[in-house]
Amino acid sequence: MALDVKSRAKRYEKLDFLGEGQFATVYKARDKTTNTIVAIKKIKVGHRTEAKDGINRTALREIKLLQELTHPNIIGLLDAFGHKSNISLVFDFMETDLEDLKPNNLLLDENGVLKLADFGLAKAFGSPNRVYTHQVVTRWYRAPELLFGARMYGVGVDMWAVGCILAELLLRVPFLAGDSDLDQLTKIFEALGTPTEETWPGMSSLPDYVSFKLFPGTPLEHIFSAAGDDLLELLKGLFTFNPCTRATASQALKMKYFSSRPGPTPGPQLPRPNSSTEALKEKENLLIGIKRKRDSIEQGEENIQKYEINVHDSYQCSLNNAQQLCGLKNLHMVCL
C-alpha cells in the first residue's frame, strides 16, 4: 500500500507554484502517465503527531463532495492520495484562479467556461432544520444572517456571496470590505440601509444580534451608476436582507438581465488574463514604481526640510540685522 501511494506521488511532476492559502498550497504539475497538465492542491495536515486522529474534516468533506459532483461548471477531482503528512488532491488545470464563494474560487478554463472550486466549506443539501456553524464564507462575502451568528441557514448565504462578487465585477474593487464581523455589518448597513424587524422578521432573535444605528443606505443606482435597470433588479434581489425572500438561483436566472441584449460573450472570445509569469512581472514593476514614488516623496520632504532650515537661518540673520540697524529691541515681523 505504501509503495502504491509513493508511486502515485511520483506520477506527477511539479512544474510551477500557483498559490498558497492558510491550509493548502497549489502547484501546476504534469501527469507523467497521461502527459496532461493538472493542478495539485496539497492540504497541510500538519505534523504526524498533530494528525494522529486522521486528516481534518475540511479535506474529507471536499474529497467526498467532489467525488459525488459531476457538472461542467464544477472543478473535476481526478485523483486524491496521502503522502507523508499531506493530502494531495489532483484537479483539472485551470488557467486562472470560489459553501465559500469569492472571486479566488471562480476559475475559467481555456474555453472561457467558469468552474467552482474549493468545496472545503461546502455542505450537502439536506434538511433545512439542520444546525450548522456560522463561521463559513470569507467575511467580505458573508451574508448578514451569518454575521449575526445564525446556526440554521440555507442557499441564501451563497446568493448573497454571488451579489458581492457581481458588485465587485462592476466596481473593480471589493464592495463590502470589513475588518471584523461588526465592521462588516456596519459597511453593509451603511451601503444598503439598516434592516428592521419589518423588513427582516426574526433578525433580533439571532444568537449574535446587536442593534445598529439606522443608516438610510444609498440607492443601488447611485452605487452602480453604470448598471441598467435589469442589472439593478438582480442586485436588489441578491442583496435582500431577509434570507427567506432573497432571490434563489432559479429566480435570479429568470430575471430580465439574463435574457436582455446584449448576450454574453462566447467563451473562446473572452479576453485572456495574464499568465502567472506576466502577472508576477507586472506586480514586480508595480512595486518598483511604488518604491520610486515613495523615494521621490521622501527626497522631496528632505529637500523641503533643508529649504525650511535655510529660510529659518536667513530669517534669523535678517531679523538680527534689522534689529541692529533700527535699534529696536522688540521687532515683530508678520508674513502674509
Protein backbone atom coordinates (compact mmCIF):
# COMPACT_ATOMS: atom_id res chain seq x y z
CA MET A 1 0.00 0.00 0.00
CA ALA A 2 2.84 2.38 0.92
CA LEU A 3 4.56 1.63 -2.38
CA ASP A 4 1.32 2.36 -4.25
CA VAL A 5 0.97 5.77 -2.57
CA LYS A 6 4.61 6.55 -3.27
CA SER A 7 4.26 5.65 -6.93
CA ARG A 8 1.14 7.80 -7.22
CA ALA A 9 3.04 10.75 -5.79
CA LYS A 10 5.90 10.21 -8.26
CA ARG A 11 3.38 10.12 -11.11
CA TYR A 12 3.14 13.91 -11.01
CA GLU A 13 5.98 16.26 -11.91
CA LYS A 14 5.77 19.72 -10.32
CA LEU A 15 6.14 22.50 -12.87
CA ASP A 16 5.21 25.71 -11.13
CA PHE A 17 3.96 27.19 -7.86
CA LEU A 18 0.45 28.64 -8.31
CA GLY A 19 -0.54 29.91 -4.90
CA GLU A 20 -0.78 29.30 -1.18
CA GLY A 21 -3.56 29.70 1.38
CA GLN A 22 -3.85 29.12 5.10
CA PHE A 23 -4.45 25.38 4.74
CA ALA A 24 -3.16 24.41 1.31
CA THR A 25 -0.59 25.00 -1.40
CA VAL A 26 -1.40 24.67 -5.11
CA TYR A 27 1.04 23.60 -7.82
CA LYS A 28 0.92 23.24 -11.57
CA ALA A 29 2.08 19.73 -12.50
CA ARG A 30 2.33 17.24 -15.34
CA ASP A 31 0.75 13.81 -15.17
CA LYS A 32 3.56 11.59 -16.49
CA THR A 33 1.10 8.80 -17.31
CA THR A 34 -1.28 10.83 -19.49
CA ASN A 35 1.10 13.71 -20.30
CA THR A 36 -1.59 16.22 -19.31
CA ILE A 37 -1.29 19.36 -17.20
CA VAL A 38 -3.06 19.22 -13.82
CA ALA A 39 -3.30 21.26 -10.64
CA ILE A 40 -2.32 19.66 -7.32
CA LYS A 41 -3.74 21.03 -4.09
CA LYS A 42 -1.57 19.88 -1.20
CA ILE A 43 -3.54 20.18 2.05
CA LYS A 44 -1.43 20.92 5.09
CA VAL A 45 -2.45 18.33 7.66
CA GLY A 46 0.44 19.25 9.94
CA HIS A 47 2.99 17.12 11.75
CA ARG A 48 2.21 13.46 12.19
CA THR A 49 1.61 13.96 15.91
CA GLU A 50 -0.99 16.63 15.07
CA ALA A 51 -2.65 14.38 12.52
CA LYS A 52 -2.70 11.20 14.63
CA ASP A 53 -6.53 11.23 14.69
CA GLY A 54 -6.70 11.44 10.89
CA ILE A 55 -6.95 14.25 8.35
CA ASN A 56 -9.10 17.29 9.03
CA ARG A 57 -12.81 17.29 8.25
CA THR A 58 -12.47 20.05 5.68
CA ALA A 59 -10.29 17.87 3.46
CA LEU A 60 -12.56 14.84 3.88
CA ARG A 61 -15.64 16.92 3.09
CA GLU A 62 -14.08 18.35 -0.06
CA ILE A 63 -13.00 14.92 -1.31
CA LYS A 64 -16.41 13.37 -0.60
CA LEU A 65 -18.40 16.12 -2.28
CA LEU A 66 -16.18 16.39 -5.34
CA GLN A 67 -16.35 12.62 -5.86
CA GLU A 68 -20.16 12.91 -5.96
CA LEU A 69 -20.40 16.07 -8.06
CA THR A 70 -20.22 15.94 -11.85
CA HIS A 71 -21.04 19.15 -13.67
CA PRO A 72 -19.45 21.27 -16.43
CA ASN A 73 -19.22 24.21 -14.01
CA ILE A 74 -17.59 22.34 -11.13
CA ILE A 75 -13.88 21.62 -10.99
CA GLY A 76 -13.15 17.94 -11.63
CA LEU A 77 -11.33 15.85 -8.98
CA LEU A 78 -9.02 13.46 -10.86
CA ASP A 79 -7.15 11.82 -8.00
CA ALA A 80 -6.63 12.00 -4.24
CA PHE A 81 -3.88 10.41 -2.18
CA GLY A 82 -2.00 10.83 1.07
CA HIS A 83 1.75 11.21 1.17
CA LYS A 84 3.74 11.69 4.39
CA SER A 85 1.70 14.19 6.43
CA ASN A 86 -0.08 15.80 3.47
CA ILE A 87 -3.18 15.06 1.42
CA SER A 88 -2.90 15.81 -2.29
CA LEU A 89 -5.94 16.49 -4.47
CA VAL A 90 -5.42 16.42 -8.24
CA PHE A 91 -7.71 18.67 -10.31
CA ASP A 92 -8.24 19.73 -13.88
CA PHE A 93 -5.78 22.55 -14.54
CA MET A 94 -7.40 25.96 -14.94
CA GLU A 95 -5.62 28.92 -16.46
CA THR A 96 -6.95 31.32 -13.83
CA ASP A 97 -7.65 31.46 -10.20
CA LEU A 98 -14.61 30.27 -5.48
CA GLU A 99 -20.26 26.88 0.71
CA ASP A 100 -17.06 29.74 0.21
CA LEU A 101 -17.97 31.79 -2.84
CA LYS A 102 -15.47 34.54 -3.65
CA PRO A 103 -13.56 35.61 -6.78
CA ASN A 104 -10.50 33.45 -5.94
CA ASN A 105 -12.71 30.35 -6.10
CA LEU A 106 -14.10 31.17 -9.56
CA LEU A 107 -11.96 29.54 -12.21
CA LEU A 108 -12.00 29.88 -16.01
CA ASP A 109 -10.70 27.23 -18.37
CA GLU A 110 -9.12 27.89 -21.76
CA ASN A 111 -12.59 27.93 -23.39
CA GLY A 112 -13.97 30.54 -21.02
CA VAL A 113 -16.05 28.01 -19.04
CA LEU A 114 -16.46 29.04 -15.41
CA LYS A 115 -15.96 26.38 -12.76
CA LEU A 116 -16.46 26.45 -8.99
CA ALA A 117 -13.57 25.30 -6.83
CA ASP A 118 -12.68 24.83 -3.15
CA PHE A 119 -15.51 22.88 -1.57
CA GLY A 120 -13.81 22.63 1.80
CA LEU A 121 -16.62 24.60 3.45
CA ALA A 122 -19.46 23.16 1.37
CA LYS A 123 -22.39 21.27 2.89
CA ALA A 124 -24.59 18.59 1.41
CA PHE A 125 -28.04 19.98 0.66
CA GLY A 126 -30.40 18.38 3.13
CA SER A 127 -32.81 19.16 5.94
CA PRO A 128 -33.45 22.91 6.33
CA ASN A 129 -33.55 22.41 10.12
CA ARG A 130 -30.03 21.06 10.36
CA VAL A 131 -27.77 23.15 12.63
CA TYR A 132 -24.51 24.38 11.05
CA THR A 133 -21.60 26.57 12.09
CA HIS A 134 -21.88 30.26 11.20
CA GLN A 135 -18.13 30.58 10.57
CA VAL A 136 -18.33 29.93 6.84
CA VAL A 137 -17.72 32.11 3.79
CA THR A 138 -14.92 34.67 3.64
CA ARG A 139 -16.04 37.73 5.65
CA TRP A 140 -16.36 40.20 2.75
CA TYR A 141 -18.83 37.84 1.05
CA ARG A 142 -20.63 36.67 4.20
CA ALA A 143 -24.41 37.14 4.44
CA PRO A 144 -25.75 39.24 7.35
CA GLU A 145 -27.51 36.24 8.95
CA LEU A 146 -24.11 34.53 9.30
CA LEU A 147 -22.57 37.67 10.77
CA PHE A 148 -25.39 37.67 13.35
CA GLY A 149 -24.48 34.07 14.25
CA ALA A 150 -27.29 32.12 12.53
CA ARG A 151 -26.86 28.34 13.00
CA MET A 152 -29.70 27.42 10.64
CA TYR A 153 -29.36 28.78 7.12
CA GLY A 154 -29.78 27.76 3.51
CA VAL A 155 -28.62 28.55 -0.01
CA GLY A 156 -29.35 32.24 0.61
CA VAL A 157 -25.83 32.63 2.01
CA ASP A 158 -24.45 31.63 -1.39
CA MET A 159 -26.75 34.05 -3.22
CA TRP A 160 -25.57 36.94 -1.04
CA ALA A 161 -21.98 35.99 -1.91
CA VAL A 162 -22.91 35.97 -5.61
CA GLY A 163 -24.25 39.50 -5.18
CA CYS A 164 -20.95 40.60 -3.61
CA ILE A 165 -18.99 39.06 -6.48
CA LEU A 166 -21.23 40.72 -9.08
CA ALA A 167 -20.81 44.05 -7.29
CA GLU A 168 -17.03 43.58 -7.28
CA LEU A 169 -17.06 42.96 -11.03
CA LEU A 170 -18.91 46.24 -11.53
CA LEU A 171 -16.80 48.33 -9.14
CA ARG A 172 -13.46 46.59 -9.81
CA VAL A 173 -12.86 46.59 -6.04
CA PRO A 174 -14.47 44.58 -3.19
CA PHE A 175 -17.89 46.09 -2.45
CA LEU A 176 -18.07 45.45 1.30
CA ALA A 177 -14.62 45.03 2.84
CA GLY A 178 -14.95 44.90 6.64
CA ASP A 179 -12.08 44.44 9.09
CA SER A 180 -14.19 42.49 11.62
CA ASP A 181 -17.68 40.99 11.79
CA LEU A 182 -19.08 44.16 13.39
CA ASP A 183 -17.28 46.36 10.88
CA GLN A 184 -18.60 44.14 8.08
CA LEU A 185 -22.18 44.63 9.28
CA THR A 186 -21.58 48.38 9.57
CA LYS A 187 -20.35 48.57 5.98
CA ILE A 188 -23.35 46.52 4.78
CA PHE A 189 -25.85 48.74 6.58
CA GLU A 190 -24.11 51.98 5.56
CA ALA A 191 -24.36 50.93 1.91
CA LEU A 192 -27.74 49.18 1.85
CA GLY A 193 -29.53 50.68 4.87
CA THR A 194 -30.17 49.14 8.29
CA PRO A 195 -32.87 46.44 8.25
CA THR A 196 -35.72 46.38 10.76
CA GLU A 197 -37.96 43.66 12.16
CA GLU A 198 -40.49 44.66 9.49
CA THR A 199 -38.08 44.13 6.61
CA TRP A 200 -36.31 41.15 8.21
CA PRO A 201 -38.57 39.30 10.67
CA GLY A 202 -36.64 37.36 13.33
CA MET A 203 -33.43 39.34 12.89
CA SER A 204 -33.29 40.44 16.55
CA SER A 205 -33.63 36.80 17.71
CA LEU A 206 -30.39 35.67 16.07
CA PRO A 207 -27.68 34.50 18.54
CA ASP A 208 -25.17 37.32 17.98
CA TYR A 209 -27.61 40.11 17.16
CA VAL A 210 -26.69 43.64 18.20
CA SER A 211 -28.62 46.79 17.38
CA PHE A 212 -27.14 49.24 14.90
CA LYS A 213 -27.62 52.87 14.06
CA LEU A 214 -30.38 53.34 11.48
CA PHE A 215 -28.46 54.09 8.30
CA PRO A 216 -30.64 55.24 5.37
CA GLY A 217 -28.44 53.47 2.82
CA THR A 218 -27.58 54.58 -0.71
CA PRO A 219 -29.79 53.76 -3.72
CA LEU A 220 -28.18 51.00 -5.77
CA GLU A 221 -28.37 53.12 -8.93
CA HIS A 222 -26.06 55.64 -7.24
CA ILE A 223 -23.56 52.97 -6.18
CA PHE A 224 -23.61 51.15 -9.53
CA SER A 225 -24.07 54.09 -11.87
CA ALA A 226 -23.23 52.08 -14.99
CA ALA A 227 -25.81 49.34 -14.28
CA GLY A 228 -29.07 49.20 -16.21
CA ASP A 229 -32.49 48.60 -14.68
CA ASP A 230 -32.34 44.85 -15.31
CA LEU A 231 -28.99 44.51 -13.53
CA LEU A 232 -30.17 46.68 -10.64
CA GLU A 233 -33.20 44.38 -10.29
CA LEU A 234 -30.85 41.39 -9.99
CA LEU A 235 -28.62 43.13 -7.42
CA LYS A 236 -31.67 44.14 -5.37
CA GLY A 237 -32.82 40.51 -5.29
CA LEU A 238 -29.40 39.24 -4.22
CA PHE A 239 -28.95 41.92 -1.53
CA THR A 240 -32.30 41.27 0.16
CA PHE A 241 -31.72 41.12 3.93
CA ASN A 242 -34.44 38.57 4.71
CA PRO A 243 -32.91 35.23 3.59
CA CYS A 244 -36.42 33.80 3.13
CA THR A 245 -37.23 36.32 0.40
CA ARG A 246 -33.73 36.69 -1.06
CA ALA A 247 -33.56 35.66 -4.71
CA THR A 248 -32.73 32.00 -5.30
CA ALA A 249 -30.57 30.86 -8.22
CA SER A 250 -33.67 29.76 -10.17
CA GLN A 251 -35.42 33.08 -9.55
CA ALA A 252 -32.31 35.06 -10.47
CA LEU A 253 -31.89 33.20 -13.77
CA LYS A 254 -35.46 34.14 -14.74
CA MET A 255 -34.79 37.87 -14.32
CA LYS A 256 -34.56 40.13 -17.37
CA TYR A 257 -30.81 40.60 -17.03
CA PHE A 258 -30.13 37.07 -18.32
CA SER A 259 -32.40 37.39 -21.37
CA SER A 260 -31.95 41.03 -22.40
CA ARG A 261 -29.46 42.11 -25.05
CA PRO A 262 -26.55 42.15 -25.47
CA GLY A 263 -25.97 38.48 -24.85
CA PRO A 264 -22.88 37.09 -23.10
CA THR A 265 -19.59 36.98 -24.97
CA PRO A 266 -18.81 33.45 -26.25
CA GLY A 267 -16.25 31.76 -24.01
CA PRO A 268 -13.41 31.49 -26.55
CA GLN A 269 -13.73 35.22 -27.31
CA LEU A 270 -13.30 36.34 -23.70
CA PRO A 271 -10.15 38.42 -23.00
CA ARG A 272 -7.39 36.19 -21.71
CA PRO A 273 -5.78 37.05 -18.37
CA ASN A 274 -2.05 37.48 -17.98
CA SER A 275 -0.02 34.33 -17.49
CA SER A 276 1.34 33.77 -14.00
CA THR A 277 4.81 34.87 -15.17
CA GLU A 278 3.45 38.04 -16.75
CA ALA A 279 1.33 38.73 -13.68
CA LEU A 280 4.36 38.39 -11.39
CA LYS A 281 6.38 40.68 -13.66
CA GLU A 282 3.54 43.21 -13.68
CA LYS A 283 3.35 43.04 -9.87
CA GLU A 284 7.13 43.46 -9.63
CA ASN A 285 7.02 46.53 -11.90
CA LEU A 286 4.16 47.94 -9.84
CA LEU A 287 6.15 47.51 -6.61
CA ILE A 288 9.19 49.14 -8.22
CA GLY A 289 7.02 52.07 -9.31
CA ILE A 290 5.59 52.43 -5.81
CA LYS A 291 9.10 52.36 -4.30
CA ARG A 292 10.29 55.03 -6.72
CA LYS A 293 7.33 57.25 -5.86
CA ARG A 294 7.96 56.72 -2.14
CA ASP A 295 11.66 57.53 -2.55
CA SER A 296 10.75 60.61 -4.59
CA ILE A 297 8.34 61.77 -1.89
CA GLU A 298 10.94 61.15 0.84
CA GLN A 299 13.57 63.04 -1.19
CA GLY A 300 11.10 65.88 -1.69
CA GLU A 301 10.38 66.01 2.03
CA GLU A 302 14.12 66.06 2.76
CA ASN A 303 14.61 68.95 0.31
CA ILE A 304 11.70 70.82 1.90
CA GLN A 305 13.26 70.35 5.35
CA LYS A 306 16.61 71.68 4.08
CA TYR A 307 14.82 74.62 2.45
CA GLU A 308 12.95 75.38 5.68
CA ILE A 309 16.22 75.31 7.66
CA ASN A 310 17.87 77.70 5.16
CA VAL A 311 14.86 80.02 5.21
CA HIS A 312 14.83 79.96 9.01
CA ASP A 313 18.57 80.77 9.17
CA SER A 314 18.17 83.58 6.62
CA TYR A 315 15.18 84.91 8.53
CA GLN A 316 17.14 84.97 11.82
CA CYS A 317 20.06 86.70 10.13
CA SER A 318 17.80 89.34 8.57
CA LEU A 319 15.99 89.85 11.87
CA ASN A 320 19.26 90.42 13.74
CA ASN A 321 20.44 92.86 11.09
CA ALA A 322 17.16 94.75 11.21
CA GLN A 323 17.30 95.00 15.00
CA GLN A 324 20.83 96.36 14.85
CA LEU A 325 20.00 98.86 12.10
CA CYS A 326 16.80 100.15 13.61
CA GLY A 327 17.86 99.97 17.24
CA LEU A 328 14.63 98.26 18.19
CA LYS A 329 14.58 95.70 20.99
CA ASN A 330 11.17 94.28 20.02
CA LEU A 331 10.78 93.83 16.27
CA HIS A 332 7.72 91.86 15.13
CA MET A 333 7.55 90.63 11.56
CA VAL A 334 4.30 89.33 10.10
CA CYS A 335 4.49 87.31 6.91
CA LEU A 336 1.29 87.01 4.91
